[in-house]
Amino acid sequence: MQRMSRRLSRGGKKIRPAVPERRCIATRESLPKPGLLRFTIDPEGAVTPDIAKNLPGRGIWVRADRGSLETAIRGNLFARAACKAVRVPEDLVEIVEAGLLNRVSGLLSLARKSGQALAGFDKAAGEIAAGRAVLLLQASDASPRQADKLRRRANAVKCFTCLTGNELGMAFGRRIVIHAVLLNGGFAKLLSCELRRLAGIRSSQD
């Protein structure tokens, strides 16, 4: 009853959440859209990830973590949600992961070109010290000692470790990048959502 009362105004009308929600077919929870994966069924009946959430057709939503997606696949929940037989690609988890990685890399590249993303230990440390960094990205294969040293300086900055040094490097036009920061701006908010989804699919502990 308490949960229902929070959803109702004094006039008894439902209060819409500030962020739109959708129901996850695996957990049956209503969750904010930014933390979900959207899928559609293509004309051939195949389950298709909609990474950018802009494909036409009815959306099927799954919480953006590996366990929920695997539950949806094993339980034939896509067919149940679509109310018809569907084909689930055998490598659907890998397709989703690759799509999220591609989206993160593209956004990071744009952020770098706009001056909102900087790479390198010294640059990252400088922006953190100046209070301008809002996200810290550290390669999953970084030296633990060096990573901890920088992370201690950024105790108030959200840190993600779901990208390898090579993957970070590709986004920055380099062979490898170990440390990077996002400055306050439009890209930081977008990347925070996408990095959370990628971390969930990669079972990262961010």
C-alpha atoms as a PDB file:
ATOM      1  CA  MET A   1       0.000   0.000   0.000  1.00  0.00           C
ATOM      2  CA  GLN A   2       2.854   2.371   0.785  1.00  0.00           C
ATOM      3  CA  ARG A   3       4.354   1.832  -2.650  1.00  0.00           C
ATOM      4  CA  MET A   4       1.011   2.563  -4.306  1.00  0.00           C
ATOM      5  CA  SER A   5       0.518   5.734  -2.264  1.00  0.00           C
ATOM      6  CA  ARG A   6       3.805   7.125  -3.535  1.00  0.00           C
ATOM      7  CA  ARG A   7       2.545   6.646  -7.075  1.00  0.00           C
ATOM      8  CA  LEU A   8      -0.678   8.554  -6.457  1.00  0.00           C
ATOM      9  CA  SER A   9      -1.314  12.260  -6.074  1.00  0.00           C
ATOM     10  CA  ARG A  10      -3.675  13.615  -3.432  1.00  0.00           C
ATOM     11  CA  GLY A  11      -6.472  13.470  -5.991  1.00  0.00           C
ATOM     12  CA  GLY A  12      -5.896   9.749  -6.487  1.00  0.00           C
ATOM     13  CA  LYS A  13      -4.318  10.118  -9.932  1.00  0.00           C
ATOM     14  CA  LYS A  14      -1.183   8.233 -10.851  1.00  0.00           C
ATOM     15  CA  ILE A  15       2.000  10.285 -10.766  1.00  0.00           C
ATOM     16  CA  ARG A  16       4.169   9.693 -13.780  1.00  0.00           C
ATOM     17  CA  PRO A  17       7.829   9.053 -12.935  1.00  0.00           C
ATOM     18  CA  ALA A  18      10.277  11.801 -13.863  1.00  0.00           C
ATOM     19  CA  VAL A  19      12.086   9.319 -16.150  1.00  0.00           C
ATOM     20  CA  PRO A  20       9.886   7.101 -18.383  1.00  0.00           C
ATOM     21  CA  GLU A  21       9.804   3.463 -17.300  1.00  0.00           C
ATOM     22  CA  ARG A  22       9.281   0.171 -19.072  1.00  0.00           C
ATOM     23  CA  ARG A  23       8.736  -3.351 -17.753  1.00  0.00           C
ATOM     24  CA  CYS A  24      11.628  -5.800 -18.056  1.00  0.00           C
ATOM     25  CA  ILE A  25      10.424  -9.128 -19.435  1.00  0.00           C
ATOM     26  CA  ALA A  26      12.992 -11.009 -17.317  1.00  0.00           C
ATOM     27  CA  THR A  27      12.612  -9.394 -13.894  1.00  0.00           C
ATOM     28  CA  ARG A  28       9.037  -8.083 -14.366  1.00  0.00           C
ATOM     29  CA  GLU A  29      10.161  -4.811 -12.790  1.00  0.00           C
ATOM     30  CA  SER A  30       9.229  -1.387 -14.124  1.00  0.00           C
ATOM     31  CA  LEU A  31      12.577   0.351 -14.553  1.00  0.00           C
ATOM     32  CA  PRO A  32      13.823   3.654 -16.014  1.00  0.00           C
ATOM     33  CA  LYS A  33      14.383   3.390 -19.771  1.00  0.00           C
ATOM     34  CA  PRO A  34      18.045   4.493 -19.666  1.00  0.00           C
ATOM     35  CA  GLY A  35      18.942   1.302 -17.789  1.00  0.00           C
ATOM     36  CA  LEU A  36      17.150  -1.026 -20.183  1.00  0.00           C
ATOM     37  CA  LEU A  37      17.860  -2.684 -23.515  1.00  0.00           C
ATOM     38  CA  ARG A  38      15.220  -2.364 -26.221  1.00  0.00           C
ATOM     39  CA  PHE A  39      14.540  -5.109 -28.748  1.00  0.00           C
ATOM     40  CA  THR A  40      12.206  -5.326 -31.720  1.00  0.00           C
ATOM     41  CA  ILE A  41      11.117  -8.177 -33.969  1.00  0.00           C
ATOM     42  CA  ASP A  42      12.226  -7.720 -37.574  1.00  0.00           C
ATOM     43  CA  PRO A  43      10.030  -8.664 -40.579  1.00  0.00           C
ATOM     44  CA  GLU A  44      11.634 -12.142 -40.647  1.00  0.00           C
ATOM     45  CA  GLY A  45      10.700 -12.752 -37.020  1.00  0.00           C
ATOM     46  CA  ALA A  46      14.192 -12.324 -35.575  1.00  0.00           C
ATOM     47  CA  VAL A  47      14.847 -10.610 -32.247  1.00  0.00           C
ATOM     48  CA  THR A  48      16.834  -7.454 -33.047  1.00  0.00           C
ATOM     49  CA  PRO A  49      18.662  -5.237 -30.515  1.00  0.00           C
ATOM     50  CA  ASP A  50      17.734  -1.566 -30.786  1.00  0.00           C
ATOM     51  CA  ILE A  51      20.791  -0.060 -29.121  1.00  0.00           C
ATOM     52  CA  ALA A  52      19.819   3.561 -29.847  1.00  0.00           C
ATOM     53  CA  LYS A  53      16.137   2.870 -29.022  1.00  0.00           C
ATOM     54  CA  ASN A  54      14.833   4.385 -32.255  1.00  0.00           C
ATOM     55  CA  LEU A  55      13.793   1.446 -34.449  1.00  0.00           C
ATOM     56  CA  PRO A  56      10.141   1.268 -35.501  1.00  0.00           C
ATOM     57  CA  GLY A  57       7.829  -1.327 -34.056  1.00  0.00           C
ATOM     58  CA  ARG A  58       6.784  -2.458 -30.632  1.00  0.00           C
ATOM     59  CA  GLY A  59       9.615  -2.487 -28.122  1.00  0.00           C
ATOM     60  CA  ILE A  60      10.512  -5.412 -25.886  1.00  0.00           C
ATOM     61  CA  TRP A  61      12.561  -4.358 -22.876  1.00  0.00           C
ATOM     62  CA  VAL A  62      15.205  -6.185 -20.834  1.00  0.00           C
ATOM     63  CA  ARG A  63      17.260  -4.903 -17.943  1.00  0.00           C
ATOM     64  CA  ALA A  64      20.774  -4.121 -19.131  1.00  0.00           C
ATOM     65  CA  ASP A  65      22.655  -6.853 -17.376  1.00  0.00           C
ATOM     66  CA  ARG A  66      23.918 -10.169 -18.650  1.00  0.00           C
ATOM     67  CA  GLY A  67      21.895 -12.285 -16.245  1.00  0.00           C
ATOM     68  CA  SER A  68      18.577 -10.707 -17.204  1.00  0.00           C
ATOM     69  CA  LEU A  69      19.281 -11.045 -20.911  1.00  0.00           C
ATOM     70  CA  GLU A  70      20.285 -14.691 -20.527  1.00  0.00           C
ATOM     71  CA  THR A  71      17.112 -15.323 -18.508  1.00  0.00           C
ATOM     72  CA  ALA A  72      15.013 -13.793 -21.287  1.00  0.00           C
ATOM     73  CA  ILE A  73      16.712 -16.024 -23.857  1.00  0.00           C
ATOM     74  CA  ARG A  74      16.532 -19.266 -21.856  1.00  0.00           C
ATOM     75  CA  GLY A  75      12.937 -18.710 -20.824  1.00  0.00           C
ATOM     76  CA  ASN A  76      11.673 -17.990 -24.342  1.00  0.00           C
ATOM     77  CA  LEU A  77      10.434 -14.669 -22.956  1.00  0.00           C
ATOM     78  CA  PHE A  78      10.837 -12.760 -26.221  1.00  0.00           C
ATOM     79  CA  ALA A  79       8.208 -14.975 -27.855  1.00  0.00           C
ATOM     80  CA  ARG A  80       5.905 -14.556 -24.894  1.00  0.00           C
ATOM     81  CA  ALA A  81       6.265 -10.772 -24.993  1.00  0.00           C
ATOM     82  CA  ALA A  82       5.741 -10.673 -28.765  1.00  0.00           C
ATOM     83  CA  CYS A  83       2.783 -13.095 -28.550  1.00  0.00           C
ATOM     84  CA  LYS A  84       4.179 -15.085 -31.462  1.00  0.00           C
ATOM     85  CA  ALA A  85       7.040 -17.359 -32.448  1.00  0.00           C
ATOM     86  CA  VAL A  86      10.328 -15.515 -32.858  1.00  0.00           C
ATOM     87  CA  ARG A  87      13.894 -16.431 -33.750  1.00  0.00           C
ATOM     88  CA  VAL A  88      16.538 -15.556 -31.166  1.00  0.00           C
ATOM     89  CA  PRO A  89      20.095 -15.398 -32.606  1.00  0.00           C
ATOM     90  CA  GLU A  90      22.409 -17.840 -30.846  1.00  0.00           C
ATOM     91  CA  ASP A  91      24.912 -15.041 -30.266  1.00  0.00           C
ATOM     92  CA  LEU A  92      22.401 -12.414 -29.143  1.00  0.00           C
ATOM     93  CA  VAL A  93      24.405 -11.510 -26.022  1.00  0.00           C
ATOM     94  CA  GLU A  94      27.530 -10.950 -28.117  1.00  0.00           C
ATOM     95  CA  ILE A  95      25.552  -8.900 -30.674  1.00  0.00           C
ATOM     96  CA  VAL A  96      24.249  -6.669 -27.894  1.00  0.00           C
ATOM     97  CA  GLU A  97      27.717  -6.284 -26.385  1.00  0.00           C
ATOM     98  CA  ALA A  98      29.225  -5.341 -29.751  1.00  0.00           C
ATOM     99  CA  GLY A  99      26.446  -2.827 -30.389  1.00  0.00           C
ATOM    100  CA  LEU A 100      26.919  -1.171 -27.015  1.00  0.00           C
ATOM    101  CA  LEU A 101      30.684  -1.055 -27.479  1.00  0.00           C
ATOM    102  CA  ASN A 102      30.266   0.568 -30.872  1.00  0.00           C
ATOM    103  CA  ARG A 103      27.904   3.185 -29.401  1.00  0.00           C
ATOM    104  CA  VAL A 104      30.247   3.965 -26.500  1.00  0.00           C
ATOM    105  CA  SER A 105      33.232   4.251 -28.856  1.00  0.00           C
ATOM    106  CA  GLY A 106      31.338   6.594 -31.164  1.00  0.00           C
ATOM    107  CA  LEU A 107      30.210   8.856 -28.331  1.00  0.00           C
ATOM    108  CA  LEU A 108      33.705   8.912 -26.838  1.00  0.00           C
ATOM    109  CA  SER A 109      35.190   9.875 -30.196  1.00  0.00           C
ATOM    110  CA  LEU A 110      32.714  12.742 -30.540  1.00  0.00           C
ATOM    111  CA  ALA A 111      33.401  13.850 -26.968  1.00  0.00           C
ATOM    112  CA  ARG A 112      37.138  13.870 -27.671  1.00  0.00           C
ATOM    113  CA  LYS A 113      36.683  15.980 -30.796  1.00  0.00           C
ATOM    114  CA  SER A 114      34.555  18.468 -28.870  1.00  0.00           C
ATOM    115  CA  GLY A 115      37.117  18.764 -26.092  1.00  0.00           C
ATOM    116  CA  GLN A 116      34.907  17.072 -23.487  1.00  0.00           C
ATOM    117  CA  ALA A 117      37.050  13.914 -23.205  1.00  0.00           C
ATOM    118  CA  LEU A 118      40.755  13.863 -22.376  1.00  0.00           C
ATOM    119  CA  ALA A 119      43.154  10.921 -22.202  1.00  0.00           C
ATOM    120  CA  GLY A 120      46.317  10.265 -20.231  1.00  0.00           C
ATOM    121  CA  PHE A 121      47.195   9.970 -16.550  1.00  0.00           C
ATOM    122  CA  ASP A 122      48.497  13.526 -16.120  1.00  0.00           C
ATOM    123  CA  LYS A 123      45.591  15.153 -17.969  1.00  0.00           C
ATOM    124  CA  ALA A 124      43.082  13.059 -16.062  1.00  0.00           C
ATOM    125  CA  ALA A 125      44.725  13.901 -12.730  1.00  0.00           C
ATOM    126  CA  GLY A 126      44.766  17.607 -13.606  1.00  0.00           C
ATOM    127  CA  GLU A 127      41.080  17.725 -14.515  1.00  0.00           C
ATOM    128  CA  ILE A 128      40.171  15.772 -11.380  1.00  0.00           C
ATOM    129  CA  ALA A 129      42.188  18.152  -9.195  1.00  0.00           C
ATOM    130  CA  ALA A 130      40.513  21.138 -10.852  1.00  0.00           C
ATOM    131  CA  GLY A 131      37.067  19.668 -10.194  1.00  0.00           C
ATOM    132  CA  ARG A 132      36.152  19.584 -13.888  1.00  0.00           C
ATOM    133  CA  ALA A 133      36.037  15.781 -14.368  1.00  0.00           C
ATOM    134  CA  VAL A 134      32.662  14.086 -13.928  1.00  0.00           C
ATOM    135  CA  LEU A 135      33.548  10.604 -15.222  1.00  0.00           C
ATOM    136  CA  LEU A 136      36.762   8.612 -14.935  1.00  0.00           C
ATOM    137  CA  LEU A 137      37.426   5.805 -17.408  1.00  0.00           C
ATOM    138  CA  GLN A 138      40.167   3.311 -16.625  1.00  0.00           C
ATOM    139  CA  ALA A 139      41.160   0.383 -18.789  1.00  0.00           C
ATOM    140  CA  SER A 140      40.180  -3.006 -17.396  1.00  0.00           C
ATOM    141  CA  ASP A 141      43.755  -4.134 -18.036  1.00  0.00           C
ATOM    142  CA  ALA A 142      45.355  -1.137 -16.304  1.00  0.00           C
ATOM    143  CA  SER A 143      48.051  -1.549 -13.681  1.00  0.00           C
ATOM    144  CA  PRO A 144      46.144  -1.923 -10.373  1.00  0.00           C
ATOM    145  CA  ARG A 145      48.655   0.256  -8.533  1.00  0.00           C
ATOM    146  CA  GLN A 146      48.431   3.141 -11.009  1.00  0.00           C
ATOM    147  CA  ALA A 147      44.667   2.806 -11.338  1.00  0.00           C
ATOM    148  CA  ASP A 148      44.178   2.919  -7.571  1.00  0.00           C
ATOM    149  CA  LYS A 149      46.432   5.953  -7.293  1.00  0.00           C
ATOM    150  CA  LEU A 150      44.277   7.946  -9.698  1.00  0.00           C
ATOM    151  CA  ARG A 151      40.997   6.578  -8.372  1.00  0.00           C
ATOM    152  CA  ARG A 152      41.813   7.716  -4.836  1.00  0.00           C
ATOM    153  CA  ARG A 153      42.132  11.265  -6.152  1.00  0.00           C
ATOM    154  CA  ALA A 154      38.754  10.920  -7.863  1.00  0.00           C
ATOM    155  CA  ASN A 155      36.736   9.545  -4.946  1.00  0.00           C
ATOM    156  CA  ALA A 156      33.785  11.804  -5.849  1.00  0.00           C
ATOM    157  CA  VAL A 157      33.906  10.952  -9.581  1.00  0.00           C
ATOM    158  CA  LYS A 158      32.087   7.942 -11.047  1.00  0.00           C
ATOM    159  CA  CYS A 159      34.598   5.442 -12.428  1.00  0.00           C
ATOM    160  CA  PHE A 160      34.046   2.857 -15.172  1.00  0.00           C
ATOM    161  CA  THR A 161      36.415  -0.010 -15.958  1.00  0.00           C
ATOM    162  CA  CYS A 162      34.436  -1.899 -18.614  1.00  0.00           C
ATOM    163  CA  LEU A 163      36.703  -0.999 -21.564  1.00  0.00           C
ATOM    164  CA  THR A 164      40.129  -2.402 -22.390  1.00  0.00           C
ATOM    165  CA  GLY A 165      43.093  -0.204 -23.144  1.00  0.00           C
ATOM    166  CA  ASN A 166      42.803  -1.026 -26.837  1.00  0.00           C
ATOM    167  CA  GLU A 167      39.099  -0.155 -26.891  1.00  0.00           C
ATOM    168  CA  LEU A 168      39.732   3.170 -25.169  1.00  0.00           C
ATOM    169  CA  GLY A 169      42.605   3.773 -27.556  1.00  0.00           C
ATOM    170  CA  MET A 170      40.422   3.281 -30.624  1.00  0.00           C
ATOM    171  CA  ALA A 171      37.983   5.921 -29.376  1.00  0.00           C
ATOM    172  CA  PHE A 172      40.834   8.376 -28.867  1.00  0.00           C
ATOM    173  CA  GLY A 173      42.636   7.596 -32.110  1.00  0.00           C
ATOM    174  CA  ARG A 174      45.558   5.934 -30.342  1.00  0.00           C
ATOM    175  CA  ARG A 175      46.893   2.427 -30.005  1.00  0.00           C
ATOM    176  CA  ILE A 176      46.104   2.249 -26.313  1.00  0.00           C
ATOM    177  CA  VAL A 177      44.658   4.509 -23.600  1.00  0.00           C
ATOM    178  CA  ILE A 178      44.648   3.566 -19.921  1.00  0.00           C
ATOM    179  CA  HIS A 179      43.087   6.609 -18.248  1.00  0.00           C
ATOM    180  CA  ALA A 180      40.580   9.151 -19.533  1.00  0.00           C
ATOM    181  CA  VAL A 181      38.117  11.646 -18.095  1.00  0.00           C
ATOM    182  CA  LEU A 182      34.876  13.191 -19.267  1.00  0.00           C
ATOM    183  CA  LEU A 183      34.258  16.835 -18.460  1.00  0.00           C
ATOM    184  CA  ASN A 184      30.893  18.258 -17.574  1.00  0.00           C
ATOM    185  CA  GLY A 185      28.737  18.465 -20.702  1.00  0.00           C
ATOM    186  CA  GLY A 186      26.184  16.674 -22.804  1.00  0.00           C
ATOM    187  CA  PHE A 187      28.394  13.717 -23.656  1.00  0.00           C
ATOM    188  CA  ALA A 188      29.096  12.835 -20.013  1.00  0.00           C
ATOM    189  CA  LYS A 189      25.435  12.131 -19.275  1.00  0.00           C
ATOM    190  CA  LEU A 190      24.985  10.062 -22.441  1.00  0.00           C
ATOM    191  CA  LEU A 191      28.156   8.101 -21.849  1.00  0.00           C
ATOM    192  CA  SER A 192      27.301   7.415 -18.224  1.00  0.00           C
ATOM    193  CA  CYS A 193      24.106   5.648 -19.335  1.00  0.00           C
ATOM    194  CA  GLU A 194      25.787   3.703 -22.135  1.00  0.00           C
ATOM    195  CA  LEU A 195      28.769   2.692 -20.019  1.00  0.00           C
ATOM    196  CA  ARG A 196      26.423   1.384 -17.338  1.00  0.00           C
ATOM    197  CA  ARG A 197      24.630  -0.737 -19.921  1.00  0.00           C
ATOM    198  CA  LEU A 198      27.908  -2.057 -21.350  1.00  0.00           C
ATOM    199  CA  ALA A 199      29.243  -2.771 -17.860  1.00  0.00           C
ATOM    200  CA  GLY A 200      26.082  -4.709 -17.076  1.00  0.00           C
ATOM    201  CA  ILE A 201      26.356  -6.879 -20.172  1.00  0.00           C
ATOM    202  CA  ARG A 202      30.031  -7.449 -19.483  1.00  0.00           C
ATOM    203  CA  SER A 203      29.198  -8.270 -15.857  1.00  0.00           C
ATOM    204  CA  SER A 204      31.484  -5.475 -14.670  1.00  0.00           C
ATOM    205  CA  GLN A 205      31.353  -4.497 -11.024  1.00  0.00           C
ATOM    206  CA  ASP A 206      31.180  -0.742 -11.727  1.00  0.00           C
END
